[in-house]
PDB file of N, CA and C in Angstrom:
ATOM      1  N   MET A   1       0.564  -9.600   9.839  1.00  0.00           N
ATOM      2  CA  MET A   1      -0.816  -9.703   9.444  1.00  0.00           C
ATOM      3  C   MET A   1      -1.318  -8.583   8.538  1.00  0.00           C
ATOM      4  N   PHE A   2      -2.167  -8.923   7.699  1.00  0.00           N
ATOM      5  CA  PHE A   2      -2.766  -7.850   6.802  1.00  0.00           C
ATOM      6  C   PHE A   2      -4.278  -8.002   6.838  1.00  0.00           C
ATOM      7  N   LYS A   3      -4.956  -6.911   7.045  1.00  0.00           N
ATOM      8  CA  LYS A   3      -6.407  -6.989   7.191  1.00  0.00           C
ATOM      9  C   LYS A   3      -7.022  -6.088   6.111  1.00  0.00           C
ATOM     10  N   GLN A   4      -7.974  -6.670   5.470  1.00  0.00           N
ATOM     11  CA  GLN A   4      -8.717  -5.918   4.374  1.00  0.00           C
ATOM     12  C   GLN A   4     -10.042  -5.418   4.921  1.00  0.00           C
ATOM     13  N   SER A   5     -10.337  -4.170   4.506  1.00  0.00           N
ATOM     14  CA  SER A   5     -11.577  -3.619   4.832  1.00  0.00           C
ATOM     15  C   SER A   5     -11.973  -2.689   3.615  1.00  0.00           C
ATOM     16  N   LYS A   6     -13.168  -2.198   3.693  1.00  0.00           N
ATOM     17  CA  LYS A   6     -13.692  -1.339   2.579  1.00  0.00           C
ATOM     18  C   LYS A   6     -14.124  -0.037   3.311  1.00  0.00           C
ATOM     19  N   GLN A   7     -13.856   1.086   2.599  1.00  0.00           N
ATOM     20  CA  GLN A   7     -14.452   2.360   2.955  1.00  0.00           C
ATOM     21  C   GLN A   7     -15.148   2.832   1.636  1.00  0.00           C
ATOM     22  N   GLY A   8     -16.379   2.554   1.574  1.00  0.00           N
ATOM     23  CA  GLY A   8     -17.109   2.897   0.313  1.00  0.00           C
ATOM     24  C   GLY A   8     -16.639   1.866  -0.697  1.00  0.00           C
ATOM     25  N   ALA A   9     -16.102   2.374  -1.813  1.00  0.00           N
ATOM     26  CA  ALA A   9     -15.602   1.551  -2.898  1.00  0.00           C
ATOM     27  C   ALA A   9     -14.134   1.342  -2.806  1.00  0.00           C
ATOM     28  N   ILE A  10     -13.524   1.896  -1.842  1.00  0.00           N
ATOM     29  CA  ILE A  10     -12.007   1.849  -1.657  1.00  0.00           C
ATOM     30  C   ILE A  10     -11.596   0.707  -0.819  1.00  0.00           C
ATOM     31  N   ASN A  11     -10.691  -0.095  -1.211  1.00  0.00           N
ATOM     32  CA  ASN A  11     -10.189  -1.182  -0.397  1.00  0.00           C
ATOM     33  C   ASN A  11      -9.108  -0.565   0.492  1.00  0.00           C
ATOM     34  N   VAL A  12      -9.156  -0.883   1.744  1.00  0.00           N
ATOM     35  CA  VAL A  12      -8.025  -0.469   2.672  1.00  0.00           C
ATOM     36  C   VAL A  12      -7.392  -1.715   3.254  1.00  0.00           C
ATOM     37  N   ILE A  13      -6.083  -1.872   2.997  1.00  0.00           N
ATOM     38  CA  ILE A  13      -5.260  -2.959   3.434  1.00  0.00           C
ATOM     39  C   ILE A  13      -4.414  -2.410   4.605  1.00  0.00           C
ATOM     40  N   SER A  14      -4.628  -2.903   5.857  1.00  0.00           N
ATOM     41  CA  SER A  14      -3.947  -2.466   7.082  1.00  0.00           C
ATOM     42  C   SER A  14      -2.849  -3.545   7.298  1.00  0.00           C
ATOM     43  N   ALA A  15      -1.600  -3.062   7.502  1.00  0.00           N
ATOM     44  CA  ALA A  15      -0.517  -4.011   7.686  1.00  0.00           C
ATOM     45  C   ALA A  15       0.035  -3.815   9.106  1.00  0.00           C
ATOM     46  N   THR A  16       0.488  -4.919   9.731  1.00  0.00           N
ATOM     47  CA  THR A  16       0.987  -4.801  11.095  1.00  0.00           C
ATOM     48  C   THR A  16       2.360  -5.533  11.054  1.00  0.00           C
ATOM     49  N   LEU A  17       2.889  -5.992   9.995  1.00  0.00           N
ATOM     50  CA  LEU A  17       4.087  -6.722   9.852  1.00  0.00           C
ATOM     51  C   LEU A  17       5.126  -5.787   9.095  1.00  0.00           C
ATOM     52  N   PRO A  18       6.424  -6.061   9.229  1.00  0.00           N
ATOM     53  CA  PRO A  18       7.386  -5.445   8.427  1.00  0.00           C
ATOM     54  C   PRO A  18       7.119  -5.835   6.962  1.00  0.00           C
ATOM     55  N   LEU A  19       7.302  -4.928   6.051  1.00  0.00           N
ATOM     56  CA  LEU A  19       7.225  -5.272   4.637  1.00  0.00           C
ATOM     57  C   LEU A  19       8.598  -5.795   4.151  1.00  0.00           C
ATOM     58  N   ASN A  20       8.811  -7.059   4.342  1.00  0.00           N
ATOM     59  CA  ASN A  20      10.094  -7.708   3.939  1.00  0.00           C
ATOM     60  C   ASN A  20       9.865  -9.011   3.279  1.00  0.00           C
ATOM     61  N   SER A  21      10.885  -9.759   2.984  1.00  0.00           N
ATOM     62  CA  SER A  21      10.697 -10.968   2.169  1.00  0.00           C
ATOM     63  C   SER A  21       9.808 -11.948   2.903  1.00  0.00           C
ATOM     64  N   GLU A  22       9.773 -11.969   4.143  1.00  0.00           N
ATOM     65  CA  GLU A  22       9.010 -12.985   4.916  1.00  0.00           C
ATOM     66  C   GLU A  22       7.507 -12.733   4.897  1.00  0.00           C
ATOM     67  N   SER A  23       7.115 -11.376   4.613  1.00  0.00           N
ATOM     68  CA  SER A  23       5.689 -11.081   4.578  1.00  0.00           C
ATOM     69  C   SER A  23       5.097 -10.855   3.157  1.00  0.00           C
ATOM     70  N   LEU A  24       5.882 -10.984   2.158  1.00  0.00           N
ATOM     71  CA  LEU A  24       5.460 -10.646   0.767  1.00  0.00           C
ATOM     72  C   LEU A  24       4.330 -11.553   0.314  1.00  0.00           C
ATOM     73  N   ASP A  25       4.319 -12.819   0.574  1.00  0.00           N
ATOM     74  CA  ASP A  25       3.191 -13.683   0.165  1.00  0.00           C
ATOM     75  C   ASP A  25       1.930 -13.209   0.863  1.00  0.00           C
ATOM     76  N   LEU A  26       1.988 -12.880   2.132  1.00  0.00           N
ATOM     77  CA  LEU A  26       0.787 -12.420   2.831  1.00  0.00           C
ATOM     78  C   LEU A  26       0.238 -11.097   2.317  1.00  0.00           C
ATOM     79  N   LEU A  27       1.190 -10.189   1.934  1.00  0.00           N
ATOM     80  CA  LEU A  27       0.794  -8.894   1.348  1.00  0.00           C
ATOM     81  C   LEU A  27       0.156  -9.133   0.021  1.00  0.00           C
ATOM     82  N   ASP A  28       0.791  -9.990  -0.784  1.00  0.00           N
ATOM     83  CA  ASP A  28       0.136 -10.279  -2.071  1.00  0.00           C
ATOM     84  C   ASP A  28      -1.249 -10.865  -1.970  1.00  0.00           C
ATOM     85  N   SER A  29      -1.440 -11.773  -1.011  1.00  0.00           N
ATOM     86  CA  SER A  29      -2.737 -12.378  -0.773  1.00  0.00           C
ATOM     87  C   SER A  29      -3.771 -11.408  -0.265  1.00  0.00           C
ATOM     88  N   ALA A  30      -3.361 -10.326   0.544  1.00  0.00           N
ATOM     89  CA  ALA A  30      -4.216  -9.330   1.025  1.00  0.00           C
ATOM     90  C   ALA A  30      -4.709  -8.477  -0.201  1.00  0.00           C
ATOM     91  N   PHE A  31      -3.959  -8.329  -1.263  1.00  0.00           N
ATOM     92  CA  PHE A  31      -4.460  -7.562  -2.317  1.00  0.00           C
ATOM     93  C   PHE A  31      -5.066  -8.346  -3.457  1.00  0.00           C
ATOM     94  N   ALA A  32      -5.163  -9.587  -3.265  1.00  0.00           N
ATOM     95  CA  ALA A  32      -5.751 -10.546  -4.404  1.00  0.00           C
ATOM     96  C   ALA A  32      -7.221 -10.184  -4.676  1.00  0.00           C
ATOM     97  N   GLU A  33      -7.965  -9.841  -3.677  1.00  0.00           N
ATOM     98  CA  GLU A  33      -9.317  -9.501  -3.969  1.00  0.00           C
ATOM     99  C   GLU A  33      -9.459  -8.109  -4.760  1.00  0.00           C
ATOM    100  N   CYS A  34      -8.580  -7.232  -4.478  1.00  0.00           N
ATOM    101  CA  CYS A  34      -8.564  -5.929  -5.172  1.00  0.00           C
ATOM    102  C   CYS A  34      -8.456  -6.205  -6.658  1.00  0.00           C
ATOM    103  N   PHE A  35      -7.580  -7.199  -7.016  1.00  0.00           N
ATOM    104  CA  PHE A  35      -7.305  -7.403  -8.432  1.00  0.00           C
ATOM    105  C   PHE A  35      -8.435  -8.144  -9.135  1.00  0.00           C
ATOM    106  N   ARG A  36      -9.379  -8.657  -8.366  1.00  0.00           N
ATOM    107  CA  ARG A  36     -10.494  -9.218  -8.973  1.00  0.00           C
ATOM    108  C   ARG A  36     -11.648  -8.168  -9.496  1.00  0.00           C
ATOM    109  N   GLU A  37     -11.396  -6.974  -8.987  1.00  0.00           N
ATOM    110  CA  GLU A  37     -12.320  -5.917  -9.354  1.00  0.00           C
ATOM    111  C   GLU A  37     -11.892  -5.315 -10.725  1.00  0.00           C
ATOM    112  N   GLY A  38     -12.754  -4.697 -11.402  1.00  0.00           N
ATOM    113  CA  GLY A  38     -12.467  -4.158 -12.711  1.00  0.00           C
ATOM    114  C   GLY A  38     -11.429  -3.062 -12.675  1.00  0.00           C
ATOM    115  N   GLN A  39     -11.610  -2.040 -11.820  1.00  0.00           N
ATOM    116  CA  GLN A  39     -10.659  -0.977 -11.735  1.00  0.00           C
ATOM    117  C   GLN A  39     -10.344  -0.790 -10.263  1.00  0.00           C
ATOM    118  N   PRO A  40      -9.300  -1.466  -9.774  1.00  0.00           N
ATOM    119  CA  PRO A  40      -9.071  -1.461  -8.333  1.00  0.00           C
ATOM    120  C   PRO A  40      -8.509  -0.111  -7.821  1.00  0.00           C
ATOM    121  N   HIS A  41      -9.157   0.276  -6.615  1.00  0.00           N
ATOM    122  CA  HIS A  41      -8.660   1.469  -5.871  1.00  0.00           C
ATOM    123  C   HIS A  41      -8.301   0.977  -4.511  1.00  0.00           C
ATOM    124  N   ALA A  42      -7.242   1.346  -4.014  1.00  0.00           N
ATOM    125  CA  ALA A  42      -6.809   0.826  -2.670  1.00  0.00           C
ATOM    126  C   ALA A  42      -5.948   1.781  -1.958  1.00  0.00           C
ATOM    127  N   VAL A  43      -5.919   1.729  -0.649  1.00  0.00           N
ATOM    128  CA  VAL A  43      -4.983   2.387   0.191  1.00  0.00           C
ATOM    129  C   VAL A  43      -4.273   1.301   1.117  1.00  0.00           C
ATOM    130  N   LEU A  44      -2.885   1.402   1.142  1.00  0.00           N
ATOM    131  CA  LEU A  44      -2.141   0.570   2.081  1.00  0.00           C
ATOM    132  C   LEU A  44      -1.899   1.342   3.304  1.00  0.00           C
ATOM    133  N   ASP A  45      -2.384   0.937   4.365  1.00  0.00           N
ATOM    134  CA  ASP A  45      -2.258   1.602   5.708  1.00  0.00           C
ATOM    135  C   ASP A  45      -0.959   1.105   6.332  1.00  0.00           C
ATOM    136  N   LEU A  46       0.075   2.071   6.384  1.00  0.00           N
ATOM    137  CA  LEU A  46       1.347   1.701   6.876  1.00  0.00           C
ATOM    138  C   LEU A  46       1.513   2.028   8.378  1.00  0.00           C
ATOM    139  N   ARG A  47       0.466   2.530   9.108  1.00  0.00           N
ATOM    140  CA  ARG A  47       0.629   3.077  10.379  1.00  0.00           C
ATOM    141  C   ARG A  47       1.284   2.097  11.380  1.00  0.00           C
ATOM    142  N   SER A  48       1.067   0.749  11.223  1.00  0.00           N
ATOM    143  CA  SER A  48       1.615  -0.118  12.229  1.00  0.00           C
ATOM    144  C   SER A  48       2.837  -1.006  11.547  1.00  0.00           C
ATOM    145  N   VAL A  49       3.342  -0.535  10.450  1.00  0.00           N
ATOM    146  CA  VAL A  49       4.440  -1.211   9.743  1.00  0.00           C
ATOM    147  C   VAL A  49       5.701  -0.673  10.340  1.00  0.00           C
ATOM    148  N   PRO A  50       6.579  -1.456  11.022  1.00  0.00           N
ATOM    149  CA  PRO A  50       7.810  -1.025  11.646  1.00  0.00           C
ATOM    150  C   PRO A  50       8.908  -0.644  10.729  1.00  0.00           C
ATOM    151  N   LEU A  51       8.903  -1.461   9.594  1.00  0.00           N
ATOM    152  CA  LEU A  51      10.057  -1.338   8.718  1.00  0.00           C
ATOM    153  C   LEU A  51       9.694  -1.775   7.242  1.00  0.00           C
ATOM    154  N   ILE A  52      10.393  -1.307   6.283  1.00  0.00           N
ATOM    155  CA  ILE A  52      10.260  -1.666   4.893  1.00  0.00           C
ATOM    156  C   ILE A  52      11.636  -1.948   4.381  1.00  0.00           C
ATOM    157  N   ASP A  53      11.853  -3.150   3.916  1.00  0.00           N
ATOM    158  CA  ASP A  53      13.261  -3.485   3.421  1.00  0.00           C
ATOM    159  C   ASP A  53      13.198  -3.466   1.839  1.00  0.00           C
ATOM    160  N   SER A  54      14.310  -3.799   1.256  1.00  0.00           N
ATOM    161  CA  SER A  54      14.396  -3.764  -0.272  1.00  0.00           C
ATOM    162  C   SER A  54      13.286  -4.692  -0.842  1.00  0.00           C
ATOM    163  N   ALA A  55      13.080  -5.868  -0.364  1.00  0.00           N
ATOM    164  CA  ALA A  55      12.065  -6.677  -0.915  1.00  0.00           C
ATOM    165  C   ALA A  55      10.670  -6.079  -0.829  1.00  0.00           C
ATOM    166  N   GLY A  56      10.444  -5.450   0.338  1.00  0.00           N
ATOM    167  CA  GLY A  56       9.230  -4.750   0.471  1.00  0.00           C
ATOM    168  C   GLY A  56       8.931  -3.605  -0.419  1.00  0.00           C
ATOM    169  N   LEU A  57      10.088  -2.831  -0.680  1.00  0.00           N
ATOM    170  CA  LEU A  57      10.014  -1.771  -1.698  1.00  0.00           C
ATOM    171  C   LEU A  57       9.753  -2.309  -3.057  1.00  0.00           C
ATOM    172  N   GLU A  58      10.388  -3.388  -3.480  1.00  0.00           N
ATOM    173  CA  GLU A  58      10.119  -3.927  -4.750  1.00  0.00           C
ATOM    174  C   GLU A  58       8.634  -4.399  -4.895  1.00  0.00           C
ATOM    175  N   GLN A  59       8.169  -5.062  -3.776  1.00  0.00           N
ATOM    176  CA  GLN A  59       6.767  -5.421  -3.809  1.00  0.00           C
ATOM    177  C   GLN A  59       5.818  -4.306  -3.926  1.00  0.00           C
ATOM    178  N   LEU A  60       6.060  -3.184  -3.299  1.00  0.00           N
ATOM    179  CA  LEU A  60       5.231  -2.015  -3.475  1.00  0.00           C
ATOM    180  C   LEU A  60       5.138  -1.470  -4.865  1.00  0.00           C
ATOM    181  N   LEU A  61       6.398  -1.460  -5.497  1.00  0.00           N
ATOM    182  CA  LEU A  61       6.420  -1.044  -6.861  1.00  0.00           C
ATOM    183  C   LEU A  61       5.701  -2.005  -7.796  1.00  0.00           C
ATOM    184  N   ASP A  62       5.854  -3.307  -7.539  1.00  0.00           N
ATOM    185  CA  ASP A  62       5.171  -4.342  -8.337  1.00  0.00           C
ATOM    186  C   ASP A  62       3.670  -4.150  -8.138  1.00  0.00           C
ATOM    187  N   LEU A  63       3.134  -3.999  -6.939  1.00  0.00           N
ATOM    188  CA  LEU A  63       1.774  -3.776  -6.729  1.00  0.00           C
ATOM    189  C   LEU A  63       1.246  -2.524  -7.478  1.00  0.00           C
ATOM    190  N   ARG A  64       2.027  -1.477  -7.425  1.00  0.00           N
ATOM    191  CA  ARG A  64       1.714  -0.269  -8.121  1.00  0.00           C
ATOM    192  C   ARG A  64       1.443  -0.551  -9.609  1.00  0.00           C
ATOM    193  N   ASP A  65       2.454  -1.299 -10.168  1.00  0.00           N
ATOM    194  CA  ASP A  65       2.347  -1.676 -11.595  1.00  0.00           C
ATOM    195  C   ASP A  65       1.174  -2.452 -11.974  1.00  0.00           C
ATOM    196  N   ARG A  66       0.890  -3.360 -11.014  1.00  0.00           N
ATOM    197  CA  ARG A  66      -0.353  -4.248 -11.313  1.00  0.00           C
ATOM    198  C   ARG A  66      -1.606  -3.399 -11.260  1.00  0.00           C
ATOM    199  N   PHE A  67      -1.683  -2.466 -10.263  1.00  0.00           N
ATOM    200  CA  PHE A  67      -2.779  -1.602 -10.209  1.00  0.00           C
ATOM    201  C   PHE A  67      -2.944  -0.807 -11.490  1.00  0.00           C
ATOM    202  N   GLN A  68      -1.856  -0.227 -12.022  1.00  0.00           N
ATOM    203  CA  GLN A  68      -1.825   0.643 -13.198  1.00  0.00           C
ATOM    204  C   GLN A  68      -2.248  -0.265 -14.427  1.00  0.00           C
ATOM    205  N   GLN A  69      -1.866  -1.488 -14.465  1.00  0.00           N
ATOM    206  CA  GLN A  69      -2.219  -2.370 -15.586  1.00  0.00           C
ATOM    207  C   GLN A  69      -3.716  -2.540 -15.678  1.00  0.00           C
ATOM    208  N   LYS A  70      -4.431  -2.421 -14.578  1.00  0.00           N
ATOM    209  CA  LYS A  70      -5.878  -2.574 -14.496  1.00  0.00           C
ATOM    210  C   LYS A  70      -6.567  -1.149 -14.414  1.00  0.00           C
ATOM    211  N   THR A  71      -5.773  -0.130 -14.732  1.00  0.00           N
ATOM    212  CA  THR A  71      -6.213   1.314 -14.596  1.00  0.00           C
ATOM    213  C   THR A  71      -6.665   1.664 -13.285  1.00  0.00           C
ATOM    214  N   GLY A  72      -6.085   1.141 -12.229  1.00  0.00           N
ATOM    215  CA  GLY A  72      -6.419   1.361 -10.828  1.00  0.00           C
ATOM    216  C   GLY A  72      -5.375   2.192 -10.202  1.00  0.00           C
ATOM    217  N   VAL A  73      -5.500   2.416  -8.893  1.00  0.00           N
ATOM    218  CA  VAL A  73      -4.646   3.333  -8.165  1.00  0.00           C
ATOM    219  C   VAL A  73      -4.372   2.727  -6.764  1.00  0.00           C
ATOM    220  N   LEU A  74      -3.152   2.634  -6.370  1.00  0.00           N
ATOM    221  CA  LEU A  74      -2.745   2.294  -5.025  1.00  0.00           C
ATOM    222  C   LEU A  74      -2.111   3.495  -4.306  1.00  0.00           C
ATOM    223  N   LYS A  75      -2.630   3.930  -3.141  1.00  0.00           N
ATOM    224  CA  LYS A  75      -2.106   4.976  -2.429  1.00  0.00           C
ATOM    225  C   LYS A  75      -1.611   4.488  -1.001  1.00  0.00           C
ATOM    226  N   LEU A  76      -0.636   5.186  -0.518  1.00  0.00           N
ATOM    227  CA  LEU A  76      -0.043   4.715   0.859  1.00  0.00           C
ATOM    228  C   LEU A  76      -0.534   5.810   1.858  1.00  0.00           C
ATOM    229  N   ALA A  77      -0.648   5.320   3.130  1.00  0.00           N
ATOM    230  CA  ALA A  77      -1.060   6.238   4.162  1.00  0.00           C
ATOM    231  C   ALA A  77      -0.391   5.820   5.512  1.00  0.00           C
ATOM    232  N   GLY A  78      -0.147   6.828   6.364  1.00  0.00           N
ATOM    233  CA  GLY A  78       0.146   6.624   7.808  1.00  0.00           C
ATOM    234  C   GLY A  78       1.494   6.108   8.030  1.00  0.00           C
ATOM    235  N   ALA A  79       2.532   6.210   7.173  1.00  0.00           N
ATOM    236  CA  ALA A  79       3.853   5.692   7.401  1.00  0.00           C
ATOM    237  C   ALA A  79       4.477   6.406   8.562  1.00  0.00           C
ATOM    238  N   ASN A  80       5.116   5.634   9.446  1.00  0.00           N
ATOM    239  CA  ASN A  80       5.845   6.179  10.599  1.00  0.00           C
ATOM    240  C   ASN A  80       7.169   6.919  10.003  1.00  0.00           C
ATOM    241  N   PRO A  81       7.825   7.802  10.823  1.00  0.00           N
ATOM    242  CA  PRO A  81       9.001   8.464  10.336  1.00  0.00           C
ATOM    243  C   PRO A  81      10.092   7.661   9.638  1.00  0.00           C
ATOM    244  N   LEU A  82      10.323   6.473  10.292  1.00  0.00           N
ATOM    245  CA  LEU A  82      11.339   5.588   9.662  1.00  0.00           C
ATOM    246  C   LEU A  82      10.906   5.134   8.249  1.00  0.00           C
ATOM    247  N   CYS A  83       9.673   4.696   8.118  1.00  0.00           N
ATOM    248  CA  CYS A  83       9.146   4.235   6.836  1.00  0.00           C
ATOM    249  C   CYS A  83       9.091   5.331   5.788  1.00  0.00           C
ATOM    250  N   GLN A  84       8.739   6.558   6.296  1.00  0.00           N
ATOM    251  CA  GLN A  84       8.675   7.762   5.428  1.00  0.00           C
ATOM    252  C   GLN A  84      10.099   7.976   4.840  1.00  0.00           C
ATOM    253  N   ASP A  85      11.088   7.887   5.821  1.00  0.00           N
ATOM    254  CA  ASP A  85      12.463   8.119   5.301  1.00  0.00           C
ATOM    255  C   ASP A  85      12.901   7.052   4.349  1.00  0.00           C
ATOM    256  N   ILE A  86      12.631   5.861   4.576  1.00  0.00           N
ATOM    257  CA  ILE A  86      12.951   4.776   3.675  1.00  0.00           C
ATOM    258  C   ILE A  86      12.346   4.887   2.244  1.00  0.00           C
ATOM    259  N   LEU A  87      11.072   5.308   2.227  1.00  0.00           N
ATOM    260  CA  LEU A  87      10.375   5.635   0.990  1.00  0.00           C
ATOM    261  C   LEU A  87      10.971   6.733   0.286  1.00  0.00           C
ATOM    262  N   SER A  88      11.292   7.768   0.961  1.00  0.00           N
ATOM    263  CA  SER A  88      11.884   9.003   0.459  1.00  0.00           C
ATOM    264  C   SER A  88      13.253   8.818  -0.052  1.00  0.00           C
ATOM    265  N   ILE A  89      14.198   8.280   0.661  1.00  0.00           N
ATOM    266  CA  ILE A  89      15.598   8.110   0.442  1.00  0.00           C
ATOM    267  C   ILE A  89      15.807   7.151  -0.700  1.00  0.00           C
ATOM    268  N   THR A  90      14.945   6.176  -0.842  1.00  0.00           N
ATOM    269  CA  THR A  90      15.086   5.231  -1.976  1.00  0.00           C
ATOM    270  C   THR A  90      14.421   5.649  -3.279  1.00  0.00           C
ATOM    271  N   GLY A  91      13.670   6.794  -3.141  1.00  0.00           N
ATOM    272  CA  GLY A  91      13.081   7.295  -4.333  1.00  0.00           C
ATOM    273  C   GLY A  91      11.608   6.611  -4.653  1.00  0.00           C
ATOM    274  N   VAL A  92      11.307   5.660  -3.845  1.00  0.00           N
ATOM    275  CA  VAL A  92       9.993   4.969  -4.065  1.00  0.00           C
ATOM    276  C   VAL A  92       8.791   5.943  -3.776  1.00  0.00           C
ATOM    277  N   ALA A  93       9.004   6.863  -2.915  1.00  0.00           N
ATOM    278  CA  ALA A  93       7.955   7.781  -2.580  1.00  0.00           C
ATOM    279  C   ALA A  93       7.436   8.497  -3.842  1.00  0.00           C
ATOM    280  N   ALA A  94       8.300   8.759  -4.813  1.00  0.00           N
ATOM    281  CA  ALA A  94       7.987   9.487  -5.975  1.00  0.00           C
ATOM    282  C   ALA A  94       6.905   8.810  -6.859  1.00  0.00           C
ATOM    283  N   TYR A  95       6.714   7.500  -6.611  1.00  0.00           N
ATOM    284  CA  TYR A  95       5.845   6.662  -7.423  1.00  0.00           C
ATOM    285  C   TYR A  95       4.440   6.523  -6.820  1.00  0.00           C
ATOM    286  N   PHE A  96       4.296   7.097  -5.621  1.00  0.00           N
ATOM    287  CA  PHE A  96       2.998   6.942  -4.916  1.00  0.00           C
ATOM    288  C   PHE A  96       2.501   8.271  -4.397  1.00  0.00           C
ATOM    289  N   GLU A  97       1.171   8.417  -4.261  1.00  0.00           N
ATOM    290  CA  GLU A  97       0.655   9.459  -3.467  1.00  0.00           C
ATOM    291  C   GLU A  97       0.647   8.983  -2.036  1.00  0.00           C
ATOM    292  N   ILE A  98       1.202   9.696  -1.095  1.00  0.00           N
ATOM    293  CA  ILE A  98       1.305   9.254   0.311  1.00  0.00           C
ATOM    294  C   ILE A  98       0.655  10.269   1.183  1.00  0.00           C
ATOM    295  N   PHE A  99      -0.155   9.773   2.076  1.00  0.00           N
ATOM    296  CA  PHE A  99      -1.045  10.706   2.944  1.00  0.00           C
ATOM    297  C   PHE A  99      -0.699  10.372   4.427  1.00  0.00           C
ATOM    298  N   PRO A 100      -0.850  11.362   5.304  1.00  0.00           N
ATOM    299  CA  PRO A 100      -0.544  11.170   6.682  1.00  0.00           C
ATOM    300  C   PRO A 100      -1.681  10.198   7.328  1.00  0.00           C
ATOM    301  N   GLU A 101      -2.860  10.240   6.767  1.00  0.00           N
ATOM    302  CA  GLU A 101      -4.027   9.470   7.400  1.00  0.00           C
ATOM    303  C   GLU A 101      -4.656   8.578   6.381  1.00  0.00           C
ATOM    304  N   VAL A 102      -5.196   7.564   6.707  1.00  0.00           N
ATOM    305  CA  VAL A 102      -6.003   6.650   5.882  1.00  0.00           C
ATOM    306  C   VAL A 102      -7.228   7.419   5.283  1.00  0.00           C
ATOM    307  N   ASN A 103      -7.924   8.162   6.147  1.00  0.00           N
ATOM    308  CA  ASN A 103      -9.118   8.924   5.719  1.00  0.00           C
ATOM    309  C   ASN A 103      -8.793   9.943   4.677  1.00  0.00           C
ATOM    310  N   GLN A 104      -7.690  10.520   4.753  1.00  0.00           N
ATOM    311  CA  GLN A 104      -7.277  11.529   3.716  1.00  0.00           C
ATOM    312  C   GLN A 104      -6.958  10.793   2.390  1.00  0.00           C
ATOM    313  N   ALA A 105      -6.377   9.691   2.457  1.00  0.00           N
ATOM    314  CA  ALA A 105      -6.083   8.933   1.218  1.00  0.00           C
ATOM    315  C   ALA A 105      -7.343   8.440   0.604  1.00  0.00           C
ATOM    316  N   VAL A 106      -8.285   7.908   1.435  1.00  0.00           N
ATOM    317  CA  VAL A 106      -9.570   7.516   0.847  1.00  0.00           C
ATOM    318  C   VAL A 106     -10.344   8.599   0.257  1.00  0.00           C
ATOM    319  N   GLY A 107     -10.414   9.687   0.923  1.00  0.00           N
ATOM    320  CA  GLY A 107     -11.013  10.918   0.469  1.00  0.00           C
ATOM    321  C   GLY A 107     -10.483  11.476  -0.756  1.00  0.00           C
ATOM    322  N   SER A 108      -9.142  11.272  -1.068  1.00  0.00           N
ATOM    323  CA  SER A 108      -8.563  11.739  -2.276  1.00  0.00           C
ATOM    324  C   SER A 108      -9.125  11.085  -3.581  1.00  0.00           C
ATOM    325  N   PHE A 109      -9.703   9.951  -3.455  1.00  0.00           N
ATOM    326  CA  PHE A 109     -10.258   9.312  -4.629  1.00  0.00           C
ATOM    327  C   PHE A 109     -11.475   9.986  -5.144  1.00  0.00           C
ATOM    328  N   ILE A 110     -12.047  10.907  -4.371  1.00  0.00           N
ATOM    329  CA  ILE A 110     -13.310  11.557  -4.833  1.00  0.00           C
ATOM    330  C   ILE A 110     -12.951  12.678  -5.765  1.00  0.00           C
TER     331      ILE A 110
END
């Protein structure tokens, strides 16, 4: 499940499912409203994501590209140690600003 909320002008998408091939359509739908905005700014809250597989990593990079095409920014927050390792070992972490907490990620937009 993916839940969207707002903190000021920043969209926060909270995920509770693994980011894998089975959840990609749901993830894409959760970000759909962000892309309707002129210059989207969002944080993906990974606090409750148990795992990210290769399809999930590809989707994260695709989302990042779509944000950049609209001169927006997608940041990640709250990844557990396993997800942090996956992002780091695969090199995907280099493409994102990653924060320990959602509030820090939201605050970084200021």
